[in-house]
Amino acid sequence: MSEHYSRGSLNAISYLSYYFVGALVSTLGIVLGPLCAAFNKDPSFIGQVFTLMNIGMFVPIMLGGILMKKWGLQRPLVIAAALTILISALLFATPTLTMFSVAVAIIGACGGIFMTIGSYLVVRINPDEKRRSSALIFTDFFFSLAGATLSFLLAWMFKMGASWMAMYAIMGGLGVIMLILTLRSRYPSTEAPEAAHQETTSKEPWGRPVWLLCGALFLFLLAEPIFTMWTPGYLQWRFQVLPEQAALYTTVYWVAKAIGLFLNQFTVKWMKLRTFLLICTAVGLVSIMLITNSANTTLILIACGTFGFFNSGLFSGLMSYGSLQVSHSSPTLISALLTCGTVGTLLFATVSSLVNSHFGLHGAVNASTISYALLMVTLLMAVACSKAERLHQGEAVAV
């Protein structure tokens, strides 16, 4: 089948899609304080408002397959980019709490469209399983790059007196870049390129390992945003550090994660994927326990870097391991894994805000520790009953 699409531009769209969603999710802890001050609300209330963003993000991810089948790839991307620009402009014109609530819901929905189509594009233009694992990890690198760059930038801007709207000026700028990219790109068909495998793939049961890995993705995407949202406030409360000093800890996390993602696209080519996932989860669990319970700020800073580095390949690694549990992975399976995982992103603000209201900041950050411990248990169960090693034995895929 002839490929009539612009691979370079499509890769750029995938990278920017993950950067956009990373910008939304990874900076919540940084922008939380300025928002509370601007609207005179407590952190639990603003945390609940961010649930609207997560709901907005979840809906297009859940309906991504239908959306792409009906409208193709370009039209949803163009609409989402244009909406991001429009809503950012309206937010500047009317910076009220009501407008902010509407804006985060719509921008969240735009992020969900970007992430769904960005993930599909990686799968679509990388049919080889090993290359797909590497490509997914490198694409996820841009999610962490957003956290690494914007956590530092926003902390500096807020220190210089900028308002919370600086965050949404950045989102509007990303929308402009996305609109330019989407309008000038050529896209592949959304029909499966391997028609011969369609009937086999549709009839092949996914089995218990796939659903366990869906659960693992849910727990991962519940734990990480809880950690990034509440850690800065927790450190300010417990150690009486300044906001910009607290932001340093999450910045170290995102920088280490970005470095890890850049390196791990090569690691997964020589290490068995299940070994990679187990080592990263075990080290990550020890690190997050230190971050949320240690009384030594230097140790917490080191643990933030360690956590970021070893946490880096888990999202894409779990996605890849899930796709290897069937003979021929499909975009439907990738979409299902992504959808189940995104439920964690949907719930994290609500769950952690409720925990914060009952048990305080220490309880809120430890909600991420509990989620991570459950992730370790779920992953061990998935590895124990995995079909990937048997299905792909003899292939050039390290599972």
Protein backbone atom coordinates (compact mmCIF):
# COMPACT_ATOMS: atom_id res chain seq x y z
CA MET A 1 0.00 0.00 0.00
CA SER A 2 1.47 3.33 -1.05
CA GLU A 3 2.08 5.82 1.74
CA HIS A 4 0.84 9.28 0.79
CA TYR A 5 1.41 11.21 3.97
CA SER A 6 4.03 13.55 5.43
CA ARG A 7 5.81 11.43 8.05
CA GLY A 8 7.90 14.30 9.42
CA SER A 9 4.89 16.56 9.96
CA LEU A 10 2.85 13.74 11.49
CA ASN A 11 5.66 12.97 13.94
CA ALA A 12 5.76 16.67 14.83
CA ILE A 13 1.99 16.64 15.45
CA SER A 14 2.35 13.60 17.74
CA TYR A 15 5.18 15.26 19.66
CA LEU A 16 3.29 18.55 20.03
CA SER A 17 0.11 16.68 21.05
CA TYR A 18 1.91 15.10 24.00
CA TYR A 19 3.66 18.38 24.83
CA PHE A 20 0.26 20.11 24.89
CA VAL A 21 -1.30 17.54 27.26
CA GLY A 22 1.88 17.54 29.37
CA ALA A 23 1.60 21.32 29.65
CA LEU A 24 -1.97 20.99 30.95
CA VAL A 25 -1.37 18.19 33.45
CA SER A 26 2.19 18.67 34.71
CA THR A 27 1.86 22.34 35.69
CA LEU A 28 -1.24 22.03 37.91
CA GLY A 29 0.84 22.16 41.09
CA ILE A 30 2.61 25.33 39.91
CA VAL A 31 -0.51 27.23 38.81
CA LEU A 32 -2.65 26.09 41.78
CA GLY A 33 -1.34 28.77 44.16
CA PRO A 34 -1.85 31.76 41.82
CA LEU A 35 -5.37 30.51 40.99
CA CYS A 36 -6.29 30.17 44.69
CA ALA A 37 -5.03 33.71 45.32
CA ALA A 38 -6.79 35.19 42.28
CA PHE A 39 -10.21 33.66 43.02
CA ASN A 40 -9.87 33.57 46.84
CA LYS A 41 -10.58 29.84 46.96
CA ASP A 42 -8.87 27.00 48.81
CA PRO A 43 -6.78 24.36 46.96
CA SER A 44 -9.45 21.67 47.32
CA PHE A 45 -11.99 23.85 45.47
CA ILE A 46 -9.60 24.65 42.60
CA GLY A 47 -8.63 20.96 42.48
CA GLN A 48 -12.30 20.12 41.92
CA VAL A 49 -12.49 22.71 39.10
CA PHE A 50 -9.64 20.90 37.37
CA THR A 51 -11.89 17.83 37.30
CA LEU A 52 -13.74 19.64 34.49
CA MET A 53 -10.50 19.62 32.48
CA ASN A 54 -10.11 15.90 33.06
CA ILE A 55 -13.72 15.18 32.05
CA GLY A 56 -13.22 17.25 28.91
CA MET A 57 -10.06 15.30 28.12
CA PHE A 58 -11.62 11.92 28.77
CA VAL A 59 -14.63 12.22 26.46
CA PRO A 60 -12.75 12.56 23.12
CA ILE A 61 -10.25 9.89 24.19
CA MET A 62 -13.14 7.50 24.90
CA LEU A 63 -14.83 8.36 21.59
CA GLY A 64 -11.58 8.70 19.63
CA GLY A 65 -12.20 5.75 17.31
CA ILE A 66 -15.65 7.01 16.30
CA LEU A 67 -14.34 10.54 15.88
CA MET A 68 -11.51 9.47 13.55
CA LYS A 69 -13.75 7.16 11.54
CA LYS A 70 -16.38 9.87 10.98
CA TRP A 71 -14.19 12.93 10.48
CA GLY A 72 -10.76 11.56 9.61
CA LEU A 73 -7.60 12.93 11.21
CA GLN A 74 -7.17 16.50 10.02
CA ARG A 75 -10.58 18.00 10.79
CA PRO A 76 -10.65 17.17 14.54
CA LEU A 77 -7.09 18.47 14.91
CA VAL A 78 -7.91 21.75 13.14
CA ILE A 79 -11.09 22.26 15.20
CA ALA A 80 -9.26 21.52 18.48
CA ALA A 81 -6.38 23.88 17.63
CA ALA A 82 -8.77 26.69 16.61
CA LEU A 83 -10.86 26.19 19.78
CA THR A 84 -7.73 26.38 21.95
CA ILE A 85 -6.79 29.71 20.41
CA LEU A 86 -10.34 31.09 20.72
CA ILE A 87 -10.87 29.99 24.34
CA SER A 88 -7.47 31.33 25.42
CA ALA A 89 -8.36 34.71 23.92
CA LEU A 90 -11.80 34.73 25.60
CA LEU A 91 -10.19 33.85 28.94
CA PHE A 92 -7.99 36.94 28.68
CA ALA A 93 -11.04 39.07 27.85
CA THR A 94 -13.14 37.64 30.73
CA PRO A 95 -10.86 36.26 33.49
CA THR A 96 -13.67 35.13 35.82
CA LEU A 97 -14.01 31.85 37.73
CA THR A 98 -16.95 30.80 35.54
CA MET A 99 -15.03 31.51 32.34
CA PHE A 100 -12.00 29.72 33.74
CA SER A 101 -14.13 26.64 34.50
CA VAL A 102 -15.53 26.60 30.96
CA ALA A 103 -12.09 27.24 29.47
CA VAL A 104 -10.32 24.38 31.26
CA ALA A 105 -13.09 21.96 30.23
CA ILE A 106 -12.85 22.94 26.55
CA ILE A 107 -9.05 23.08 26.48
CA GLY A 108 -9.03 19.68 28.21
CA ALA A 109 -11.28 18.32 25.43
CA CYS A 110 -8.89 19.75 22.84
CA GLY A 111 -6.00 18.04 24.64
CA GLY A 112 -7.93 14.76 24.56
CA ILE A 113 -8.36 15.07 20.77
CA PHE A 114 -4.66 15.83 20.33
CA MET A 115 -3.55 12.90 22.51
CA THR A 116 -5.93 10.40 20.86
CA ILE A 117 -4.92 11.27 17.33
CA GLY A 118 -1.26 11.71 18.28
CA SER A 119 -1.20 8.20 19.80
CA TYR A 120 -2.97 6.74 16.77
CA LEU A 121 -0.49 8.37 14.41
CA VAL A 122 2.45 6.76 16.25
CA VAL A 123 0.78 3.34 15.93
CA ARG A 124 -0.27 3.96 12.31
CA ILE A 125 3.11 5.01 10.94
CA ASN A 126 5.13 2.49 13.02
CA PRO A 127 3.69 -0.97 12.26
CA ASP A 128 6.79 -2.80 13.58
CA GLU A 129 6.27 -3.62 17.28
CA LYS A 130 9.79 -2.84 18.52
CA ARG A 131 9.94 0.40 16.55
CA ARG A 132 6.49 1.28 17.90
CA SER A 133 7.64 0.80 21.52
CA SER A 134 10.61 3.06 20.92
CA ALA A 135 8.47 5.64 19.08
CA LEU A 136 5.83 5.70 21.85
CA ILE A 137 8.50 6.28 24.49
CA PHE A 138 10.11 9.07 22.47
CA THR A 139 6.69 10.69 21.90
CA ASP A 140 6.01 10.49 25.65
CA PHE A 141 9.35 12.31 26.11
CA PHE A 142 7.57 15.47 24.96
CA PHE A 143 4.94 15.11 27.71
CA SER A 144 7.75 15.25 30.28
CA LEU A 145 9.59 17.94 28.35
CA ALA A 146 6.54 20.16 28.87
CA GLY A 147 6.76 19.57 32.61
CA ALA A 148 10.50 20.21 32.67
CA THR A 149 10.35 23.45 30.70
CA LEU A 150 7.04 24.95 31.78
CA SER A 151 7.42 24.21 35.52
CA PHE A 152 10.62 26.26 35.48
CA LEU A 153 9.22 28.97 33.17
CA LEU A 154 5.96 29.44 35.08
CA ALA A 155 7.68 29.47 38.48
CA TRP A 156 9.96 32.25 37.19
CA MET A 157 7.06 34.17 35.61
CA PHE A 158 4.96 33.98 38.79
CA LYS A 159 7.95 35.13 40.83
CA MET A 160 8.25 38.12 38.49
CA GLY A 161 4.62 39.00 39.14
CA ALA A 162 2.79 37.35 36.24
CA SER A 163 -0.81 36.24 36.81
CA TRP A 164 -2.23 32.74 36.37
CA MET A 165 -3.32 33.73 32.83
CA ALA A 166 0.30 33.35 31.69
CA MET A 167 -0.34 29.60 31.64
CA TYR A 168 -3.21 29.96 29.19
CA ALA A 169 -1.31 32.40 27.02
CA ILE A 170 1.19 29.56 26.57
CA MET A 171 -1.65 27.15 25.71
CA GLY A 172 -2.95 29.60 23.10
CA GLY A 173 0.52 29.80 21.58
CA LEU A 174 0.72 26.01 21.38
CA GLY A 175 -2.68 26.06 19.68
CA VAL A 176 -1.32 28.40 16.99
CA ILE A 177 1.63 26.09 16.29
CA MET A 178 -0.68 23.06 16.15
CA LEU A 179 -3.03 24.82 13.73
CA ILE A 180 -0.16 25.64 11.36
CA LEU A 181 1.15 22.06 11.49
CA THR A 182 -2.23 20.42 10.96
CA LEU A 183 -3.15 22.59 7.98
CA ARG A 184 0.08 21.85 6.11
CA SER A 185 0.23 18.07 6.70
CA ARG A 186 -0.95 15.12 4.62
CA TYR A 187 -2.60 12.29 6.53
CA PRO A 188 -2.94 8.53 6.07
CA SER A 189 -6.27 6.77 5.84
CA THR A 190 -7.82 5.69 9.14
CA GLU A 191 -8.52 2.27 7.65
CA ALA A 192 -6.30 -0.52 8.98
CA PRO A 193 -3.36 -1.06 6.59
CA GLU A 194 -3.30 -4.82 7.19
CA ALA A 195 -6.76 -5.87 5.96
CA ALA A 196 -5.74 -9.53 5.98
CA HIS A 197 -5.40 -9.40 9.75
CA GLN A 198 -8.64 -7.53 10.49
CA GLU A 199 -10.87 -10.57 10.90
CA THR A 200 -8.30 -12.42 13.03
CA THR A 201 -7.67 -9.35 15.19
CA SER A 202 -11.37 -8.66 15.75
CA LYS A 203 -12.02 -12.26 16.89
CA GLU A 204 -8.92 -12.68 19.05
CA PRO A 205 -9.81 -12.30 22.76
CA TRP A 206 -7.68 -9.80 24.63
CA GLY A 207 -7.52 -11.89 27.80
CA ARG A 208 -6.71 -11.15 31.43
CA PRO A 209 -3.23 -9.62 30.88
CA VAL A 210 -4.66 -6.82 28.72
CA TRP A 211 -7.21 -5.86 31.36
CA LEU A 212 -4.61 -6.01 34.12
CA LEU A 213 -2.39 -3.69 32.08
CA CYS A 214 -5.39 -1.41 31.56
CA GLY A 215 -5.62 -1.33 35.36
CA ALA A 216 -1.90 -0.64 35.65
CA LEU A 217 -2.22 2.32 33.26
CA PHE A 218 -5.16 3.61 35.30
CA LEU A 219 -3.12 3.45 38.52
CA PHE A 220 -0.09 5.08 36.89
CA LEU A 221 -2.14 7.97 35.51
CA LEU A 222 -3.81 8.35 38.91
CA ALA A 223 -0.54 8.40 40.87
CA GLU A 224 1.61 10.71 38.74
CA PRO A 225 -0.70 13.75 38.46
CA ILE A 226 -1.58 13.49 42.18
CA PHE A 227 2.16 13.65 42.89
CA THR A 228 2.81 16.64 40.61
CA MET A 229 -0.31 18.53 41.74
CA TRP A 230 0.16 18.33 45.52
CA THR A 231 3.92 18.00 46.06
CA PRO A 232 4.76 21.74 45.73
CA GLY A 233 2.07 22.72 48.26
CA TYR A 234 3.02 19.86 50.58
CA LEU A 235 6.69 20.93 50.61
CA GLN A 236 5.72 24.56 51.29
CA TRP A 237 3.50 23.44 54.19
CA ARG A 238 5.88 20.93 55.76
CA PHE A 239 9.26 22.63 55.25
CA GLN A 240 8.16 26.29 54.97
CA VAL A 241 9.98 26.75 51.66
CA LEU A 242 9.13 29.48 49.15
CA PRO A 243 6.88 28.61 46.16
CA GLU A 244 9.77 28.88 43.68
CA GLN A 245 11.87 26.56 45.87
CA ALA A 246 9.03 24.02 46.04
CA ALA A 247 8.66 24.24 42.24
CA LEU A 248 12.31 23.16 41.95
CA TYR A 249 11.42 19.67 43.21
CA THR A 250 8.82 19.04 40.51
CA THR A 251 11.10 20.64 37.92
CA VAL A 252 13.84 18.15 38.89
CA TYR A 253 11.27 15.37 38.53
CA TRP A 254 10.27 16.44 35.01
CA VAL A 255 13.85 17.09 33.85
CA ALA A 256 14.91 13.63 35.09
CA LYS A 257 11.85 12.08 33.44
CA ALA A 258 12.60 13.81 30.14
CA ILE A 259 16.21 12.54 30.26
CA GLY A 260 14.95 9.05 31.10
CA LEU A 261 12.49 9.05 28.21
CA PHE A 262 15.19 10.16 25.79
CA LEU A 263 17.49 7.33 26.93
CA ASN A 264 14.83 4.64 27.37
CA GLN A 265 13.87 4.66 23.70
CA PHE A 266 17.21 2.85 23.32
CA THR A 267 16.99 0.81 26.55
CA VAL A 268 13.87 -1.08 25.43
CA LYS A 269 15.71 -2.28 22.32
CA TRP A 270 18.13 -4.44 24.34
CA MET A 271 16.34 -5.13 27.64
CA LYS A 272 13.27 -7.34 27.94
CA LEU A 273 10.24 -5.12 28.26
CA ARG A 274 8.79 -6.94 31.30
CA THR A 275 12.15 -6.63 33.12
CA PHE A 276 12.31 -2.94 32.26
CA LEU A 277 8.79 -2.36 33.62
CA LEU A 278 9.37 -4.29 36.86
CA ILE A 279 12.68 -2.54 37.65
CA CYS A 280 11.25 0.92 36.93
CA THR A 281 8.13 0.31 39.03
CA ALA A 282 10.09 -1.08 41.99
CA VAL A 283 12.57 1.82 42.07
CA GLY A 284 9.74 4.30 41.49
CA LEU A 285 7.79 2.93 44.46
CA VAL A 286 10.77 3.26 46.83
CA SER A 287 11.41 6.80 45.54
CA ILE A 288 7.85 8.06 45.96
CA MET A 289 7.71 6.61 49.48
CA LEU A 290 10.79 8.68 50.34
CA ILE A 291 9.39 11.82 48.72
CA THR A 292 6.10 11.68 50.59
CA ASN A 293 7.42 10.59 53.99
CA SER A 294 11.08 11.64 54.42
CA ALA A 295 11.99 14.58 56.68
CA ASN A 296 15.23 15.28 54.76
CA THR A 297 14.79 17.83 51.95
CA THR A 298 18.05 16.83 50.23
CA LEU A 299 16.96 13.20 50.16
CA ILE A 300 13.55 14.25 48.80
CA LEU A 301 15.23 16.22 45.99
CA ILE A 302 17.40 13.20 45.05
CA ALA A 303 14.33 10.95 45.24
CA CYS A 304 12.43 13.32 42.91
CA GLY A 305 15.17 12.92 40.30
CA THR A 306 15.29 9.14 40.77
CA PHE A 307 11.51 8.89 40.60
CA GLY A 308 11.42 10.94 37.41
CA PHE A 309 14.09 8.88 35.69
CA PHE A 310 12.67 5.45 36.52
CA ASN A 311 9.05 6.56 36.12
CA SER A 312 9.80 7.82 32.63
CA GLY A 313 9.16 4.76 30.48
CA LEU A 314 6.21 3.30 32.35
CA PHE A 315 3.32 4.85 30.43
CA SER A 316 4.62 3.95 26.98
CA GLY A 317 6.11 0.68 28.23
CA LEU A 318 2.76 -0.44 29.66
CA MET A 319 1.03 0.59 26.42
CA SER A 320 3.54 -1.43 24.39
CA TYR A 321 3.34 -4.47 26.70
CA GLY A 322 -0.43 -4.36 26.43
CA SER A 323 -0.26 -4.30 22.61
CA LEU A 324 1.97 -7.39 22.68
CA GLN A 325 -0.65 -9.49 24.51
CA VAL A 326 -2.38 -10.27 21.17
CA SER A 327 -0.98 -11.62 17.91
CA HIS A 328 -1.76 -8.48 15.90
CA SER A 329 -2.29 -5.30 17.92
CA SER A 330 -4.79 -2.81 16.52
CA PRO A 331 -5.57 0.87 17.00
CA THR A 332 -8.70 -0.30 18.85
CA LEU A 333 -6.53 -2.01 21.46
CA ILE A 334 -4.26 1.03 21.77
CA SER A 335 -7.35 3.21 22.17
CA ALA A 336 -8.73 0.89 24.88
CA LEU A 337 -5.46 0.98 26.83
CA LEU A 338 -5.30 4.76 26.52
CA THR A 339 -8.95 5.17 27.52
CA CYS A 340 -8.64 2.98 30.64
CA GLY A 341 -5.49 4.81 31.65
CA THR A 342 -7.11 8.20 31.13
CA VAL A 343 -9.77 7.35 33.72
CA GLY A 344 -6.95 7.87 36.22
CA THR A 345 -6.35 11.35 34.85
CA LEU A 346 -10.10 11.94 34.97
CA LEU A 347 -10.35 11.04 38.66
CA PHE A 348 -7.07 12.24 40.17
CA ALA A 349 -8.16 15.81 40.97
CA THR A 350 -11.44 14.69 42.56
CA VAL A 351 -9.90 11.81 44.53
CA SER A 352 -6.89 13.78 45.79
CA SER A 353 -8.98 16.87 46.63
CA LEU A 354 -11.33 14.72 48.74
CA VAL A 355 -8.34 13.11 50.48
CA ASN A 356 -6.85 16.58 51.06
CA SER A 357 -10.09 17.85 52.62
CA HIS A 358 -10.19 14.91 55.07
CA PHE A 359 -6.51 14.11 55.71
CA GLY A 360 -4.61 17.24 54.69
CA LEU A 361 -1.70 17.70 52.31
CA HIS A 362 0.27 14.76 53.66
CA GLY A 363 -2.68 12.47 52.97
CA ALA A 364 -3.09 13.92 49.47
CA VAL A 365 0.50 13.22 48.41
CA ASN A 366 0.40 9.77 50.00
CA ALA A 367 -2.59 8.93 47.81
CA SER A 368 -0.01 8.77 45.00
CA THR A 369 2.11 6.36 47.09
CA ILE A 370 -0.84 4.01 47.60
CA SER A 371 -1.70 4.15 43.89
CA TYR A 372 1.89 3.31 42.99
CA ALA A 373 1.95 0.35 45.39
CA LEU A 374 -1.21 -1.00 43.75
CA LEU A 375 0.45 -0.45 40.36
CA MET A 376 3.33 -2.71 41.44
CA VAL A 377 0.91 -5.47 42.51
CA THR A 378 -1.13 -5.21 39.29
CA LEU A 379 1.97 -5.31 37.10
CA LEU A 380 3.26 -8.44 38.88
CA MET A 381 -0.10 -10.12 38.22
CA ALA A 382 -0.01 -9.10 34.55
CA VAL A 383 3.53 -10.44 34.08
CA ALA A 384 2.58 -13.71 35.78
CA CYS A 385 -0.17 -14.44 33.24
CA SER A 386 1.31 -12.61 30.23
CA LYS A 387 0.83 -14.11 26.76
CA ALA A 388 3.32 -11.77 25.06
CA GLU A 389 6.36 -14.02 25.51
CA ARG A 390 4.58 -17.00 23.94
CA LEU A 391 2.85 -15.08 21.12
CA HIS A 392 5.97 -13.28 19.96
CA GLN A 393 8.59 -15.96 20.64
CA GLY A 394 11.25 -15.89 17.95
CA GLU A 395 10.27 -12.42 16.74
CA ALA A 396 12.57 -9.42 16.96
CA VAL A 397 10.66 -8.05 19.92
CA ALA A 398 12.10 -8.07 23.42
CA VAL A 399 9.16 -8.81 25.66
